[in-house]
Amino acid sequence: MQDVVDLEQTVTAIVVDHAGQIGALMPILHAVQEHFGFVPQEAIPLLASLLNLSRAEVHGVMHFYHDFRSQPAGKHVIQVCRAEACQAMGSQDLEKHIKDLLGIDFGQTTADGQFTLEPVYCLGNCACTPSLRIDDDIHARVTPKRFEQLLQSLLEPSA
């Protein structure tokens, strides 16, 4: 029960911080996700009530934009570019290799909670394809072997 109270207090405080802002739903959803790591399902009716919107409106925005998660992500989020330039340079083979190596598909998290795999439809790195983002870092000209090196560096303890 304490978790529900914390969620209500946190979400209400976030909404109050954005009071009077035109188009506040998007920044509010971003702030909720920043706080919790995802947008909890329990937050949707609360947001709808606080913002005088329908649940369908909040849910629709949540699920239209790929940046919002309704479940916690893994420790590391891997986004593979699926835009045309990356596909022309082999991102589909890279994508298959990553899925096979991690044993997950897009929108899934590894059983150990280490990695979440997501599609992204442009990283703005078209001259250096195929590209992917791991957490906040964009990597260019990624081959399956280079991905394995990046993955290994994430698994090694910091010195």
Protein backbone atom coordinates (compact mmCIF):
# COMPACT_ATOMS: atom_id res chain seq x y z
CA MET A 1 0.00 0.00 0.00
CA GLN A 2 2.92 2.33 0.73
CA ASP A 3 4.03 2.04 -2.92
CA VAL A 4 0.66 3.37 -4.15
CA VAL A 5 0.93 6.35 -1.81
CA ASP A 6 4.49 7.06 -3.01
CA LEU A 7 3.37 6.77 -6.64
CA GLU A 8 0.44 9.13 -6.08
CA GLN A 9 2.59 11.67 -4.25
CA THR A 10 5.36 11.55 -6.84
CA VAL A 11 3.05 11.76 -9.85
CA THR A 12 1.05 14.57 -8.25
CA ALA A 13 4.26 16.51 -7.52
CA ILE A 14 5.39 16.07 -11.14
CA VAL A 15 2.04 17.32 -12.44
CA VAL A 16 2.18 20.32 -10.09
CA ASP A 17 5.69 21.12 -11.39
CA HIS A 18 4.22 21.35 -14.91
CA ALA A 19 1.05 23.22 -13.94
CA GLY A 20 -0.07 25.67 -16.58
CA GLN A 21 2.32 24.34 -19.22
CA ILE A 22 0.64 23.92 -22.59
CA GLY A 23 0.98 20.34 -23.81
CA ALA A 24 2.21 19.19 -20.43
CA LEU A 25 1.41 15.50 -20.90
CA MET A 26 4.60 14.65 -22.79
CA PRO A 27 7.01 16.33 -20.36
CA ILE A 28 5.06 14.84 -17.46
CA LEU A 29 5.31 11.34 -18.93
CA HIS A 30 9.05 11.87 -19.45
CA ALA A 31 9.44 13.03 -15.83
CA VAL A 32 7.45 10.06 -14.50
CA GLN A 33 9.59 7.68 -16.56
CA GLU A 34 12.76 9.43 -15.42
CA HIS A 35 11.72 8.95 -11.79
CA PHE A 36 10.47 5.34 -11.93
CA GLY A 37 12.44 4.06 -14.95
CA PHE A 38 9.10 3.44 -16.73
CA VAL A 39 5.52 4.73 -16.58
CA PRO A 40 3.64 2.48 -14.17
CA GLN A 41 0.17 1.41 -15.33
CA GLU A 42 -1.22 2.77 -12.05
CA ALA A 43 -0.05 6.25 -13.05
CA ILE A 44 -2.26 6.42 -16.15
CA PRO A 45 -5.65 6.90 -14.43
CA LEU A 46 -4.04 9.28 -11.94
CA LEU A 47 -2.52 11.37 -14.73
CA ALA A 48 -5.83 11.37 -16.60
CA SER A 49 -7.64 12.63 -13.52
CA LEU A 50 -5.05 15.27 -12.63
CA LEU A 51 -4.84 16.57 -16.21
CA ASN A 52 -8.57 16.35 -16.94
CA LEU A 53 -7.95 13.89 -19.78
CA SER A 54 -9.43 10.51 -20.52
CA ARG A 55 -7.43 7.40 -19.69
CA ALA A 56 -7.53 6.60 -23.41
CA GLU A 57 -5.79 9.91 -24.22
CA VAL A 58 -2.98 9.26 -21.75
CA HIS A 59 -2.67 5.62 -22.80
CA GLY A 60 -2.69 6.61 -26.48
CA VAL A 61 0.17 9.08 -26.07
CA MET A 62 2.08 6.58 -23.93
CA HIS A 63 1.91 3.88 -26.56
CA PHE A 64 2.22 6.05 -29.66
CA TYR A 65 5.70 7.26 -28.72
CA HIS A 66 8.37 4.57 -28.55
CA ASP A 67 10.33 6.39 -25.85
CA PHE A 68 7.85 5.49 -23.14
CA ARG A 69 8.02 2.15 -21.36
CA SER A 70 5.25 0.49 -19.39
CA GLN A 71 7.70 -1.96 -17.77
CA PRO A 72 11.13 -1.48 -16.24
CA ALA A 73 14.00 -1.67 -18.71
CA GLY A 74 17.15 -3.68 -18.21
CA LYS A 75 20.32 -2.21 -16.77
CA HIS A 76 21.42 -1.41 -20.33
CA VAL A 77 19.11 -0.41 -23.18
CA ILE A 78 20.28 -1.37 -26.66
CA GLN A 79 18.56 0.41 -29.54
CA VAL A 80 19.23 -0.88 -33.06
CA CYS A 81 18.59 1.55 -35.91
CA ARG A 82 16.07 0.18 -38.40
CA ALA A 83 16.01 3.17 -40.77
CA GLU A 84 16.62 2.67 -44.48
CA ALA A 85 20.25 3.81 -44.49
CA CYS A 86 21.18 1.34 -41.76
CA GLN A 87 19.20 -1.45 -43.43
CA ALA A 88 21.04 -0.80 -46.70
CA MET A 89 24.33 -1.29 -44.86
CA GLY A 90 23.48 -4.53 -43.06
CA SER A 91 21.59 -3.64 -39.92
CA GLN A 92 19.18 -6.55 -40.46
CA ASP A 93 22.05 -9.04 -40.11
CA LEU A 94 23.33 -7.15 -37.06
CA GLU A 95 19.81 -7.12 -35.61
CA LYS A 96 19.50 -10.89 -36.06
CA HIS A 97 22.92 -11.46 -34.49
CA ILE A 98 22.03 -9.33 -31.46
CA LYS A 99 18.68 -11.10 -30.99
CA ASP A 100 20.33 -14.52 -31.24
CA LEU A 101 23.19 -13.56 -28.92
CA LEU A 102 20.93 -12.08 -26.24
CA GLY A 103 18.12 -14.59 -26.75
CA ILE A 104 15.47 -11.86 -26.87
CA ASP A 105 13.41 -9.94 -29.41
CA PHE A 106 12.62 -6.25 -29.65
CA GLY A 107 10.69 -5.03 -26.62
CA GLN A 108 12.11 -7.74 -24.38
CA THR A 109 14.60 -7.82 -21.52
CA THR A 110 17.08 -10.60 -20.82
CA ALA A 111 16.17 -12.91 -17.93
CA ASP A 112 19.04 -11.52 -15.85
CA GLY A 113 17.71 -7.97 -16.28
CA GLN A 114 20.92 -6.77 -17.92
CA PHE A 115 19.71 -5.83 -21.41
CA THR A 116 16.56 -4.48 -23.04
CA LEU A 117 16.45 -4.51 -26.84
CA GLU A 118 14.51 -1.82 -28.70
CA PRO A 119 14.11 -0.76 -32.31
CA VAL A 120 14.76 2.85 -33.19
CA TYR A 121 13.99 4.44 -36.54
CA CYS A 122 16.87 6.86 -36.88
CA LEU A 123 19.81 7.81 -34.72
CA GLY A 124 20.89 10.62 -37.05
CA ASN A 125 24.09 8.76 -37.85
CA CYS A 126 23.25 7.78 -41.43
CA ALA A 127 26.75 8.38 -42.83
CA CYS A 128 28.20 5.80 -40.43
CA THR A 129 25.78 2.92 -40.64
CA PRO A 130 24.82 0.51 -39.24
CA SER A 131 24.41 2.31 -35.96
CA LEU A 132 23.07 1.50 -32.55
CA ARG A 133 22.78 3.17 -29.18
CA ILE A 134 23.68 1.53 -25.91
CA ASP A 135 22.30 3.60 -23.05
CA ASP A 136 23.38 7.14 -24.01
CA ASP A 137 26.22 6.23 -26.38
CA ILE A 138 25.81 5.96 -30.15
CA HIS A 139 28.09 3.49 -31.92
CA ALA A 140 28.79 3.64 -35.66
CA ARG A 141 29.67 1.05 -38.29
CA VAL A 142 28.78 -1.75 -35.90
CA THR A 143 29.49 -5.27 -37.09
CA PRO A 144 28.41 -8.41 -35.22
CA LYS A 145 31.99 -8.77 -33.93
CA ARG A 146 32.09 -5.12 -32.80
CA PHE A 147 28.77 -5.61 -31.01
CA GLU A 148 30.21 -8.59 -29.13
CA GLN A 149 33.12 -6.39 -28.02
CA LEU A 150 30.74 -3.66 -26.85
CA LEU A 151 28.66 -6.24 -24.99
CA GLN A 152 31.74 -7.70 -23.33
CA SER A 153 32.84 -4.23 -22.16
CA LEU A 154 29.47 -3.81 -20.46
CA LEU A 155 29.80 -7.13 -18.67
CA GLU A 156 33.35 -6.52 -17.42
CA PRO A 157 33.63 -4.93 -13.99
CA SER A 158 35.01 -1.39 -13.98
CA ALA A 159 38.59 -1.07 -12.84
